[in-house]
Structures are given as C-alpha cells and as structure tokens.
C-alpha cells in the first residue's frame, strides 16, 4: 500500500475531488497555503493499493493542469517602498505536487 499526498491549487480542488470519487479513490482533503504565492491550496491524502498508484497519478495529471497567471510581487520589507513599483509578473501556476510513500500498516476503526 502507498500513501499519496497531492498538493493542488484550490481552483483544481473540486474537480479533482469529483474525479477521485468517480474512479473509486477515497481521499481526505486538507486546506493548506502555498509558500511561494501565498495562495490557497488543497492537500489530498489517499491510501492506495500498489497496483492502483499509476491510475491515481493519471487522474491527478489529467485533472490538474498548468496555466499562466499574473501576480503582483510583494512590497519589499527592507528599504524604501516609495520607489518600488510592483509590476505584475506572469508565473506558471496549477499542476500538482505529488508524493508517493510506502505505508507499513493501515488500520480503519
């Protein structure tokens, strides 16, 4: 058995949740915050049998696509903010960060 930890952007969360249910995967959803953009994320925890790992990875890949987004840089903490003009920067967002870890034991009470 494997533990799948998938961190996705909030706007992909509902669609991924629906697709996981559709493909008979159970998941626990946690609200998390990304460190880079300080944006909302959702972390899915899924226990999966070894032979279904490729299936769940395909569902995640098909559901959570990358896209471009304009973001305004954060004002610098040091120095003078008077001369700082925050021009929007285009960054790639979306997709998923996925960890696959072995599970030594699983208990459901």
PDB file of N, CA and C in Angstrom:
ATOM      1  N   UNK A   1       0.842  -1.179   0.000  1.00  0.00           N
ATOM      2  CA  UNK A   1       0.000   0.000   0.000  1.00  0.00           C
ATOM      3  C   UNK A   1       0.884   1.238   0.000  1.00  0.00           C
ATOM      4  N   UNK A   2       0.371   2.312  -0.629  1.00  0.00           N
ATOM      5  CA  UNK A   2       1.091   3.579  -0.720  1.00  0.00           C
ATOM      6  C   UNK A   2       0.208   4.703  -0.178  1.00  0.00           C
ATOM      7  N   UNK A   3       0.871   5.729   0.345  1.00  0.00           N
ATOM      8  CA  UNK A   3       0.193   6.964   0.733  1.00  0.00           C
ATOM      9  C   UNK A   3       0.519   7.987  -0.345  1.00  0.00           C
ATOM     10  N   UNK A   4      -0.522   8.513  -0.972  1.00  0.00           N
ATOM     11  CA  UNK A   4      -0.372   9.552  -1.983  1.00  0.00           C
ATOM     12  C   UNK A   4      -0.722  10.877  -1.322  1.00  0.00           C
ATOM     13  N   UNK A   5       0.203  11.822  -1.376  1.00  0.00           N
ATOM     14  CA  UNK A   5      -0.053  13.176  -0.891  1.00  0.00           C
ATOM     15  C   UNK A   5       0.026  14.079  -2.112  1.00  0.00           C
ATOM     16  N   UNK A   6      -1.118  14.656  -2.484  1.00  0.00           N
ATOM     17  CA  UNK A   6      -1.194  15.503  -3.676  1.00  0.00           C
ATOM     18  C   UNK A   6      -1.568  16.922  -3.260  1.00  0.00           C
ATOM     19  N   UNK A   7      -0.710  17.878  -3.582  1.00  0.00           N
ATOM     20  CA  UNK A   7      -0.954  19.280  -3.262  1.00  0.00           C
ATOM     21  C   UNK A   7      -1.340  19.982  -4.561  1.00  0.00           C
ATOM     22  N   UNK A   8      -2.559  20.523  -4.589  1.00  0.00           N
ATOM     23  CA  UNK A   8      -3.085  21.142  -5.806  1.00  0.00           C
ATOM     24  C   UNK A   8      -3.603  22.540  -5.487  1.00  0.00           C
ATOM     25  N   UNK A   9      -3.743  23.354  -6.514  1.00  0.00           N
ATOM     26  CA  UNK A   9      -4.291  24.690  -6.336  1.00  0.00           C
ATOM     27  C   UNK A   9      -5.780  24.588  -6.028  1.00  0.00           C
ATOM     28  N   UNK A  10      -6.287  25.508  -5.208  1.00  0.00           N
ATOM     29  CA  UNK A  10      -7.687  25.461  -4.798  1.00  0.00           C
ATOM     30  C   UNK A  10      -8.655  25.380  -5.975  1.00  0.00           C
ATOM     31  N   UNK A  11      -8.348  26.083  -7.072  1.00  0.00           N
ATOM     32  CA  UNK A  11      -9.303  26.075  -8.180  1.00  0.00           C
ATOM     33  C   UNK A  11      -9.385  24.718  -8.889  1.00  0.00           C
ATOM     34  N   UNK A  12      -8.430  23.816  -8.645  1.00  0.00           N
ATOM     35  CA  UNK A  12      -8.497  22.458  -9.195  1.00  0.00           C
ATOM     36  C   UNK A  12      -9.088  21.467  -8.202  1.00  0.00           C
ATOM     37  N   UNK A  13      -9.290  21.911  -6.982  1.00  0.00           N
ATOM     38  CA  UNK A  13      -9.660  21.026  -5.883  1.00  0.00           C
ATOM     39  C   UNK A  13     -10.985  20.283  -6.102  1.00  0.00           C
ATOM     40  N   UNK A  14     -12.031  21.013  -6.443  1.00  0.00           N
ATOM     41  CA  UNK A  14     -13.342  20.378  -6.567  1.00  0.00           C
ATOM     42  C   UNK A  14     -13.386  19.380  -7.720  1.00  0.00           C
ATOM     43  N   UNK A  15     -12.794  19.762  -8.837  1.00  0.00           N
ATOM     44  CA  UNK A  15     -12.784  18.845  -9.984  1.00  0.00           C
ATOM     45  C   UNK A  15     -11.982  17.581  -9.666  1.00  0.00           C
ATOM     46  N   UNK A  16     -10.840  17.737  -8.986  1.00  0.00           N
ATOM     47  CA  UNK A  16     -10.047  16.562  -8.614  1.00  0.00           C
ATOM     48  C   UNK A  16     -10.814  15.694  -7.637  1.00  0.00           C
ATOM     49  N   UNK A  17     -11.479  16.303  -6.669  1.00  0.00           N
ATOM     50  CA  UNK A  17     -12.279  15.543  -5.713  1.00  0.00           C
ATOM     51  C   UNK A  17     -13.355  14.728  -6.427  1.00  0.00           C
ATOM     52  N   UNK A  18     -14.044  15.351  -7.379  1.00  0.00           N
ATOM     53  CA  UNK A  18     -15.082  14.645  -8.151  1.00  0.00           C
ATOM     54  C   UNK A  18     -14.490  13.488  -8.951  1.00  0.00           C
ATOM     55  N   UNK A  19     -13.328  13.719  -9.580  1.00  0.00           N
ATOM     56  CA  UNK A  19     -12.696  12.667 -10.385  1.00  0.00           C
ATOM     57  C   UNK A  19     -12.195  11.507  -9.522  1.00  0.00           C
ATOM     58  N   UNK A  20     -11.686  11.809  -8.342  1.00  0.00           N
ATOM     59  CA  UNK A  20     -11.239  10.733  -7.446  1.00  0.00           C
ATOM     60  C   UNK A  20     -12.414   9.846  -7.037  1.00  0.00           C
ATOM     61  N   UNK A  21     -13.545  10.476  -6.702  1.00  0.00           N
ATOM     62  CA  UNK A  21     -14.746   9.704  -6.344  1.00  0.00           C
ATOM     63  C   UNK A  21     -15.214   8.877  -7.537  1.00  0.00           C
ATOM     64  N   UNK A  22     -15.226   9.490  -8.706  1.00  0.00           N
ATOM     65  CA  UNK A  22     -15.658   8.814  -9.946  1.00  0.00           C
ATOM     66  C   UNK A  22     -14.814   7.570 -10.227  1.00  0.00           C
ATOM     67  N   UNK A  23     -13.506   7.624  -9.894  1.00  0.00           N
ATOM     68  CA  UNK A  23     -12.608   6.496 -10.136  1.00  0.00           C
ATOM     69  C   UNK A  23     -12.417   5.622  -8.886  1.00  0.00           C
ATOM     70  N   UNK A  24     -13.311   5.791  -7.908  1.00  0.00           N
ATOM     71  CA  UNK A  24     -13.345   4.960  -6.699  1.00  0.00           C
ATOM     72  C   UNK A  24     -12.090   5.076  -5.832  1.00  0.00           C
ATOM     73  N   UNK A  25     -11.584   6.293  -5.693  1.00  0.00           N
ATOM     74  CA  UNK A  25     -10.495   6.579  -4.767  1.00  0.00           C
ATOM     75  C   UNK A  25     -11.066   7.388  -3.613  1.00  0.00           C
ATOM     76  N   UNK A  26     -10.700   7.025  -2.401  1.00  0.00           N
ATOM     77  CA  UNK A  26     -11.111   7.791  -1.229  1.00  0.00           C
ATOM     78  C   UNK A  26      -9.972   8.719  -0.836  1.00  0.00           C
ATOM     79  N   UNK A  27     -10.328   9.918  -0.408  1.00  0.00           N
ATOM     80  CA  UNK A  27      -9.294  10.889  -0.056  1.00  0.00           C
ATOM     81  C   UNK A  27      -9.759  11.756   1.101  1.00  0.00           C
ATOM     82  N   UNK A  28      -8.801  12.241   1.841  1.00  0.00           N
ATOM     83  CA  UNK A  28      -9.040  13.249   2.868  1.00  0.00           C
ATOM     84  C   UNK A  28      -8.482  14.557   2.339  1.00  0.00           C
ATOM     85  N   UNK A  29      -9.287  15.634   2.411  1.00  0.00           N
ATOM     86  CA  UNK A  29      -8.876  16.942   1.915  1.00  0.00           C
ATOM     87  C   UNK A  29      -8.475  17.827   3.084  1.00  0.00           C
ATOM     88  N   UNK A  30      -7.347  18.507   2.919  1.00  0.00           N
ATOM     89  CA  UNK A  30      -6.879  19.463   3.911  1.00  0.00           C
ATOM     90  C   UNK A  30      -6.668  20.815   3.237  1.00  0.00           C
ATOM     91  N   UNK A  31      -7.072  21.889   3.878  1.00  0.00           N
ATOM     92  CA  UNK A  31      -6.797  23.229   3.362  1.00  0.00           C
ATOM     93  C   UNK A  31      -5.374  23.599   3.749  1.00  0.00           C
ATOM     94  N   UNK A  32      -4.579  24.020   2.762  1.00  0.00           N
ATOM     95  CA  UNK A  32      -3.193  24.399   3.006  1.00  0.00           C
ATOM     96  C   UNK A  32      -2.899  25.701   2.269  1.00  0.00           C
ATOM     97  N   UNK A  33      -1.746  26.281   2.548  1.00  0.00           N
ATOM     98  CA  UNK A  33      -1.346  27.521   1.899  1.00  0.00           C
ATOM     99  C   UNK A  33       0.024  27.346   1.284  1.00  0.00           C
ATOM    100  N   UNK A  34       0.172  27.786   0.045  1.00  0.00           N
ATOM    101  CA  UNK A  34       1.455  27.683  -0.641  1.00  0.00           C
ATOM    102  C   UNK A  34       2.440  28.723  -0.117  1.00  0.00           C
ATOM    103  N   UNK A  35       3.693  28.379  -0.143  1.00  0.00           N
ATOM    104  CA  UNK A  35       4.714  29.273   0.360  1.00  0.00           C
ATOM    105  C   UNK A  35       5.131  30.336  -0.641  1.00  0.00           C
ATOM    106  N   UNK A  36       5.148  30.025  -1.926  1.00  0.00           N
ATOM    107  CA  UNK A  36       5.660  30.951  -2.937  1.00  0.00           C
ATOM    108  C   UNK A  36       4.673  32.080  -3.233  1.00  0.00           C
ATOM    109  N   UNK A  37       3.456  31.733  -3.615  1.00  0.00           N
ATOM    110  CA  UNK A  37       2.459  32.739  -3.972  1.00  0.00           C
ATOM    111  C   UNK A  37       1.539  33.089  -2.810  1.00  0.00           C
ATOM    112  N   UNK A  38       1.697  32.422  -1.683  1.00  0.00           N
ATOM    113  CA  UNK A  38       0.837  32.624  -0.512  1.00  0.00           C
ATOM    114  C   UNK A  38      -0.634  32.414  -0.882  1.00  0.00           C
ATOM    115  N   UNK A  39      -0.877  31.519  -1.805  1.00  0.00           N
ATOM    116  CA  UNK A  39      -2.228  31.261  -2.291  1.00  0.00           C
ATOM    117  C   UNK A  39      -2.774  29.984  -1.668  1.00  0.00           C
ATOM    118  N   UNK A  40      -4.092  29.851  -1.694  1.00  0.00           N
ATOM    119  CA  UNK A  40      -4.734  28.678  -1.140  1.00  0.00           C
ATOM    120  C   UNK A  40      -4.467  27.440  -1.962  1.00  0.00           C
ATOM    121  N   UNK A  41      -4.190  26.361  -1.261  1.00  0.00           N
ATOM    122  CA  UNK A  41      -4.001  25.049  -1.876  1.00  0.00           C
ATOM    123  C   UNK A  41      -4.906  24.060  -1.164  1.00  0.00           C
ATOM    124  N   UNK A  42      -5.046  22.907  -1.756  1.00  0.00           N
ATOM    125  CA  UNK A  42      -5.711  21.792  -1.108  1.00  0.00           C
ATOM    126  C   UNK A  42      -4.769  20.605  -1.175  1.00  0.00           C
ATOM    127  N   UNK A  43      -4.613  19.929  -0.050  1.00  0.00           N
ATOM    128  CA  UNK A  43      -3.779  18.735   0.012  1.00  0.00           C
ATOM    129  C   UNK A  43      -4.684  17.528   0.168  1.00  0.00           C
ATOM    130  N   UNK A  44      -4.526  16.565  -0.730  1.00  0.00           N
ATOM    131  CA  UNK A  44      -5.296  15.326  -0.687  1.00  0.00           C
ATOM    132  C   UNK A  44      -4.413  14.217  -0.128  1.00  0.00           C
ATOM    133  N   UNK A  45      -4.934  13.459   0.819  1.00  0.00           N
ATOM    134  CA  UNK A  45      -4.262  12.275   1.360  1.00  0.00           C
ATOM    135  C   UNK A  45      -5.055  11.058   0.915  1.00  0.00           C
ATOM    136  N   UNK A  46      -4.393  10.140   0.211  1.00  0.00           N
ATOM    137  CA  UNK A  46      -5.073   8.954  -0.317  1.00  0.00           C
ATOM    138  C   UNK A  46      -4.256   7.706  -0.021  1.00  0.00           C
ATOM    139  N   UNK A  47      -4.877   6.726   0.577  1.00  0.00           N
ATOM    140  CA  UNK A  47      -4.260   5.413   0.715  1.00  0.00           C
ATOM    141  C   UNK A  47      -4.644   4.579  -0.497  1.00  0.00           C
ATOM    142  N   UNK A  48      -3.642   4.032  -1.203  1.00  0.00           N
ATOM    143  CA  UNK A  48      -3.894   3.347  -2.468  1.00  0.00           C
ATOM    144  C   UNK A  48      -3.114   2.041  -2.511  1.00  0.00           C
ATOM    145  N   UNK A  49      -3.767   1.004  -3.015  1.00  0.00           N
ATOM    146  CA  UNK A  49      -3.066  -0.262  -3.231  1.00  0.00           C
ATOM    147  C   UNK A  49      -1.977  -0.065  -4.279  1.00  0.00           C
ATOM    148  N   UNK A  50      -0.891  -0.802  -4.159  1.00  0.00           N
ATOM    149  CA  UNK A  50       0.262  -0.633  -5.048  1.00  0.00           C
ATOM    150  C   UNK A  50      -0.108  -0.687  -6.529  1.00  0.00           C
ATOM    151  N   UNK A  51      -0.997  -1.588  -6.884  1.00  0.00           N
ATOM    152  CA  UNK A  51      -1.339  -1.750  -8.305  1.00  0.00           C
ATOM    153  C   UNK A  51      -2.199  -0.607  -8.854  1.00  0.00           C
ATOM    154  N   UNK A  52      -2.715   0.286  -7.987  1.00  0.00           N
ATOM    155  CA  UNK A  52      -3.552   1.402  -8.448  1.00  0.00           C
ATOM    156  C   UNK A  52      -2.832   2.748  -8.426  1.00  0.00           C
ATOM    157  N   UNK A  53      -1.545   2.744  -8.065  1.00  0.00           N
ATOM    158  CA  UNK A  53      -0.798   4.009  -7.982  1.00  0.00           C
ATOM    159  C   UNK A  53      -0.770   4.720  -9.338  1.00  0.00           C
ATOM    160  N   UNK A  54      -0.475   4.006 -10.402  1.00  0.00           N
ATOM    161  CA  UNK A  54      -0.439   4.640 -11.730  1.00  0.00           C
ATOM    162  C   UNK A  54      -1.801   5.206 -12.116  1.00  0.00           C
ATOM    163  N   UNK A  55      -2.882   4.542 -11.701  1.00  0.00           N
ATOM    164  CA  UNK A  55      -4.232   5.023 -12.016  1.00  0.00           C
ATOM    165  C   UNK A  55      -4.519   6.363 -11.348  1.00  0.00           C
ATOM    166  N   UNK A  56      -4.183   6.480 -10.070  1.00  0.00           N
ATOM    167  CA  UNK A  56      -4.471   7.738  -9.372  1.00  0.00           C
ATOM    168  C   UNK A  56      -3.565   8.858  -9.871  1.00  0.00           C
ATOM    169  N   UNK A  57      -2.324   8.530 -10.211  1.00  0.00           N
ATOM    170  CA  UNK A  57      -1.430   9.547 -10.760  1.00  0.00           C
ATOM    171  C   UNK A  57      -1.956  10.076 -12.089  1.00  0.00           C
ATOM    172  N   UNK A  58      -2.544   9.221 -12.891  1.00  0.00           N
ATOM    173  CA  UNK A  58      -3.134   9.652 -14.168  1.00  0.00           C
ATOM    174  C   UNK A  58      -4.337  10.564 -13.929  1.00  0.00           C
ATOM    175  N   UNK A  59      -5.175  10.219 -12.961  1.00  0.00           N
ATOM    176  CA  UNK A  59      -6.333  11.068 -12.634  1.00  0.00           C
ATOM    177  C   UNK A  59      -5.856  12.457 -12.203  1.00  0.00           C
ATOM    178  N   UNK A  60      -4.844  12.506 -11.352  1.00  0.00           N
ATOM    179  CA  UNK A  60      -4.317  13.791 -10.884  1.00  0.00           C
ATOM    180  C   UNK A  60      -3.724  14.578 -12.047  1.00  0.00           C
ATOM    181  N   UNK A  61      -2.936  13.928 -12.880  1.00  0.00           N
ATOM    182  CA  UNK A  61      -2.304  14.591 -14.019  1.00  0.00           C
ATOM    183  C   UNK A  61      -3.336  15.124 -15.010  1.00  0.00           C
ATOM    184  N   UNK A  62      -4.365  14.333 -15.284  1.00  0.00           N
ATOM    185  CA  UNK A  62      -5.395  14.749 -16.236  1.00  0.00           C
ATOM    186  C   UNK A  62      -6.253  15.897 -15.705  1.00  0.00           C
ATOM    187  N   UNK A  63      -6.370  16.014 -14.393  1.00  0.00           N
ATOM    188  CA  UNK A  63      -7.275  16.996 -13.782  1.00  0.00           C
ATOM    189  C   UNK A  63      -6.599  18.318 -13.453  1.00  0.00           C
ATOM    190  N   UNK A  64      -5.359  18.272 -13.043  1.00  0.00           N
ATOM    191  CA  UNK A  64      -4.672  19.470 -12.532  1.00  0.00           C
ATOM    192  C   UNK A  64      -3.670  19.992 -13.548  1.00  0.00           C
ATOM    193  N   UNK A  65      -4.124  20.858 -14.427  1.00  0.00           N
ATOM    194  CA  UNK A  65      -3.259  21.371 -15.476  1.00  0.00           C
ATOM    195  C   UNK A  65      -2.545  22.647 -15.080  1.00  0.00           C
ATOM    196  N   UNK A  66      -1.426  22.915 -15.728  1.00  0.00           N
ATOM    197  CA  UNK A  66      -0.686  24.159 -15.527  1.00  0.00           C
ATOM    198  C   UNK A  66      -1.325  25.269 -16.347  1.00  0.00           C
ATOM    199  N   UNK A  67      -1.209  26.497 -15.843  1.00  0.00           N
ATOM    200  CA  UNK A  67      -1.712  27.661 -16.564  1.00  0.00           C
ATOM    201  C   UNK A  67      -0.888  28.878 -16.137  1.00  0.00           C
ATOM    202  N   UNK A  68      -0.942  29.937 -16.929  1.00  0.00           N
ATOM    203  CA  UNK A  68      -0.219  31.171 -16.633  1.00  0.00           C
ATOM    204  C   UNK A  68      -1.143  32.107 -15.854  1.00  0.00           C
ATOM    205  N   UNK A  69      -0.561  32.842 -14.887  1.00  0.00           N
ATOM    206  CA  UNK A  69      -1.346  33.777 -14.080  1.00  0.00           C
ATOM    207  C   UNK A  69      -0.490  35.001 -13.777  1.00  0.00           C
ATOM    208  N   UNK A  70      -1.107  36.181 -13.818  1.00  0.00           N
ATOM    209  CA  UNK A  70      -0.408  37.412 -13.452  1.00  0.00           C
ATOM    210  C   UNK A  70      -0.515  37.613 -11.945  1.00  0.00           C
ATOM    211  N   UNK A  71       0.626  37.855 -11.294  1.00  0.00           N
ATOM    212  CA  UNK A  71       0.638  38.131  -9.866  1.00  0.00           C
ATOM    213  C   UNK A  71       1.455  39.396  -9.624  1.00  0.00           C
ATOM    214  N   UNK A  72       1.064  40.147  -8.592  1.00  0.00           N
ATOM    215  CA  UNK A  72       1.825  41.336  -8.211  1.00  0.00           C
ATOM    216  C   UNK A  72       2.817  40.949  -7.139  1.00  0.00           C
ATOM    217  N   UNK A  73       4.084  41.297  -7.335  1.00  0.00           N
ATOM    218  CA  UNK A  73       5.092  40.984  -6.329  1.00  0.00           C
ATOM    219  C   UNK A  73       4.778  41.671  -5.005  1.00  0.00           C
ATOM    220  N   UNK A  74       5.220  41.075  -3.909  1.00  0.00           N
ATOM    221  CA  UNK A  74       5.022  41.638  -2.582  1.00  0.00           C
ATOM    222  C   UNK A  74       6.020  42.779  -2.382  1.00  0.00           C
ATOM    223  N   UNK A  75       5.577  43.855  -1.746  1.00  0.00           N
ATOM    224  CA  UNK A  75       6.445  45.000  -1.461  1.00  0.00           C
ATOM    225  C   UNK A  75       7.618  44.552  -0.597  1.00  0.00           C
ATOM    226  N   UNK A  76       8.829  44.980  -0.914  1.00  0.00           N
ATOM    227  CA  UNK A  76       9.984  44.547  -0.133  1.00  0.00           C
ATOM    228  C   UNK A  76       9.912  45.060   1.304  1.00  0.00           C
ATOM    229  N   UNK A  77      10.373  44.236   2.247  1.00  0.00           N
ATOM    230  CA  UNK A  77      10.321  44.594   3.659  1.00  0.00           C
ATOM    231  C   UNK A  77      11.380  45.634   4.024  1.00  0.00           C
ATOM    232  N   UNK A  78      12.567  45.527   3.466  1.00  0.00           N
ATOM    233  CA  UNK A  78      13.633  46.463   3.804  1.00  0.00           C
ATOM    234  C   UNK A  78      13.730  47.566   2.777  1.00  0.00           C
ATOM    235  N   UNK A  79      14.280  48.680   3.168  1.00  0.00           N
ATOM    236  CA  UNK A  79      14.481  49.770   2.211  1.00  0.00           C
ATOM    237  C   UNK A  79      13.238  50.601   2.030  1.00  0.00           C
ATOM    238  N   UNK A  80      13.283  51.443   1.061  1.00  0.00           N
ATOM    239  CA  UNK A  80      12.200  52.375   0.804  1.00  0.00           C
ATOM    240  C   UNK A  80      11.177  51.767  -0.148  1.00  0.00           C
ATOM    241  N   UNK A  81       9.934  51.753   0.286  1.00  0.00           N
ATOM    242  CA  UNK A  81       8.864  51.244  -0.569  1.00  0.00           C
ATOM    243  C   UNK A  81       8.333  52.331  -1.492  1.00  0.00           C
ATOM    244  N   UNK A  82       8.780  53.594  -1.279  1.00  0.00           N
ATOM    245  CA  UNK A  82       8.300  54.709  -2.098  1.00  0.00           C
ATOM    246  C   UNK A  82       8.678  54.554  -3.562  1.00  0.00           C
ATOM    247  N   UNK A  83       9.881  54.054  -3.823  1.00  0.00           N
ATOM    248  CA  UNK A  83      10.349  53.928  -5.198  1.00  0.00           C
ATOM    249  C   UNK A  83      10.027  52.564  -5.805  1.00  0.00           C
ATOM    250  N   UNK A  84       9.388  51.713  -5.029  1.00  0.00           N
ATOM    251  CA  UNK A  84       9.069  50.357  -5.505  1.00  0.00           C
ATOM    252  C   UNK A  84       7.746  50.370  -6.261  1.00  0.00           C
ATOM    253  N   UNK A  85       7.775  49.988  -7.529  1.00  0.00           N
ATOM    254  CA  UNK A  85       6.558  49.914  -8.343  1.00  0.00           C
ATOM    255  C   UNK A  85       6.338  48.444  -8.696  1.00  0.00           C
ATOM    256  N   UNK A  86       5.314  47.830  -8.080  1.00  0.00           N
ATOM    257  CA  UNK A  86       5.094  46.396  -8.310  1.00  0.00           C
ATOM    258  C   UNK A  86       4.406  46.125  -9.647  1.00  0.00           C
ATOM    259  N   UNK A  87       5.180  45.752 -10.653  1.00  0.00           N
ATOM    260  CA  UNK A  87       4.610  45.378 -11.933  1.00  0.00           C
ATOM    261  C   UNK A  87       4.178  43.919 -11.866  1.00  0.00           C
ATOM    262  N   UNK A  88       3.011  43.606 -12.394  1.00  0.00           N
ATOM    263  CA  UNK A  88       2.584  42.199 -12.392  1.00  0.00           C
ATOM    264  C   UNK A  88       3.577  41.329 -13.160  1.00  0.00           C
ATOM    265  N   UNK A  89       3.754  40.127 -12.666  1.00  0.00           N
ATOM    266  CA  UNK A  89       4.665  39.166 -13.261  1.00  0.00           C
ATOM    267  C   UNK A  89       3.856  37.928 -13.636  1.00  0.00           C
ATOM    268  N   UNK A  90       4.122  37.401 -14.817  1.00  0.00           N
ATOM    269  CA  UNK A  90       3.417  36.194 -15.245  1.00  0.00           C
ATOM    270  C   UNK A  90       4.171  34.971 -14.732  1.00  0.00           C
ATOM    271  N   UNK A  91       3.464  34.112 -13.986  1.00  0.00           N
ATOM    272  CA  UNK A  91       4.068  32.899 -13.451  1.00  0.00           C
ATOM    273  C   UNK A  91       3.202  31.700 -13.828  1.00  0.00           C
ATOM    274  N   UNK A  92       3.814  30.535 -13.847  1.00  0.00           N
ATOM    275  CA  UNK A  92       3.077  29.309 -14.123  1.00  0.00           C
ATOM    276  C   UNK A  92       2.523  28.774 -12.814  1.00  0.00           C
ATOM    277  N   UNK A  93       1.220  28.533 -12.774  1.00  0.00           N
ATOM    278  CA  UNK A  93       0.562  28.004 -11.584  1.00  0.00           C
ATOM    279  C   UNK A  93      -0.215  26.747 -11.966  1.00  0.00           C
ATOM    280  N   UNK A  94      -0.727  26.088 -10.975  1.00  0.00           N
ATOM    281  CA  UNK A  94      -1.514  24.889 -11.213  1.00  0.00           C
ATOM    282  C   UNK A  94      -0.647  23.657 -11.176  1.00  0.00           C
ATOM    283  N   UNK A  95      -1.135  22.611 -11.780  1.00  0.00           N
ATOM    284  CA  UNK A  95      -0.429  21.347 -11.707  1.00  0.00           C
ATOM    285  C   UNK A  95      -0.605  20.749 -10.321  1.00  0.00           C
ATOM    286  N   UNK A  96       0.241  19.826  -9.989  1.00  0.00           N
ATOM    287  CA  UNK A  96       0.171  19.176  -8.684  1.00  0.00           C
ATOM    288  C   UNK A  96       1.564  18.770  -8.253  1.00  0.00           C
ATOM    289  N   UNK A  97       1.784  18.816  -6.959  1.00  0.00           N
ATOM    290  CA  UNK A  97       2.988  18.250  -6.373  1.00  0.00           C
ATOM    291  C   UNK A  97       2.539  16.990  -5.655  1.00  0.00           C
ATOM    292  N   UNK A  98       3.112  15.857  -6.042  1.00  0.00           N
ATOM    293  CA  UNK A  98       2.625  14.573  -5.534  1.00  0.00           C
ATOM    294  C   UNK A  98       3.774  13.793  -4.901  1.00  0.00           C
ATOM    295  N   UNK A  99       3.520  13.291  -3.709  1.00  0.00           N
ATOM    296  CA  UNK A  99       4.462  12.423  -3.002  1.00  0.00           C
ATOM    297  C   UNK A  99       3.840  11.037  -2.909  1.00  0.00           C
ATOM    298  N   UNK A 100       4.625  10.008  -3.199  1.00  0.00           N
ATOM    299  CA  UNK A 100       4.182   8.619  -3.078  1.00  0.00           C
ATOM    300  C   UNK A 100       5.091   7.958  -2.054  1.00  0.00           C
ATOM    301  N   UNK A 101       4.479   7.505  -0.955  1.00  0.00           N
ATOM    302  CA  UNK A 101       5.270   6.934   0.137  1.00  0.00           C
ATOM    303  C   UNK A 101       4.746   5.553   0.510  1.00  0.00           C
ATOM    304  N   UNK A 102       5.646   4.656   0.885  1.00  0.00           N
ATOM    305  CA  UNK A 102       5.193   3.333   1.321  1.00  0.00           C
ATOM    306  C   UNK A 102       4.480   3.430   2.671  1.00  0.00           C
ATOM    307  N   UNK A 103       3.475   2.585   2.849  1.00  0.00           N
ATOM    308  CA  UNK A 103       2.736   2.521   4.102  1.00  0.00           C
ATOM    309  C   UNK A 103       3.004   1.175   4.739  1.00  0.00           C
ATOM    310  N   UNK A 104       3.504   1.213   5.950  1.00  0.00           N
ATOM    311  CA  UNK A 104       3.825  -0.027   6.650  1.00  0.00           C
ATOM    312  C   UNK A 104       2.579  -0.732   7.166  1.00  0.00           C
ATOM    313  N   UNK A 105       1.614   0.040   7.638  1.00  0.00           N
ATOM    314  CA  UNK A 105       0.380  -0.560   8.175  1.00  0.00           C
ATOM    315  C   UNK A 105      -0.773   0.403   7.933  1.00  0.00           C
ATOM    316  N   UNK A 106      -1.973  -0.155   7.833  1.00  0.00           N
ATOM    317  CA  UNK A 106      -3.177   0.643   7.658  1.00  0.00           C
ATOM    318  C   UNK A 106      -4.249   0.062   8.571  1.00  0.00           C
ATOM    319  N   UNK A 107      -4.889   0.928   9.365  1.00  0.00           N
ATOM    320  CA  UNK A 107      -5.952   0.497  10.266  1.00  0.00           C
ATOM    321  C   UNK A 107      -7.143   1.437  10.101  1.00  0.00           C
ATOM    322  N   UNK A 108      -8.332   0.881  10.021  1.00  0.00           N
ATOM    323  CA  UNK A 108      -9.531   1.691   9.947  1.00  0.00           C
ATOM    324  C   UNK A 108     -10.478   1.200  11.029  1.00  0.00           C
ATOM    325  N   UNK A 109     -10.834   2.102  11.931  1.00  0.00           N
ATOM    326  CA  UNK A 109     -11.691   1.722  13.072  1.00  0.00           C
ATOM    327  C   UNK A 109     -13.052   2.298  12.941  1.00  0.00           C
TER     328      UNK A 109
END
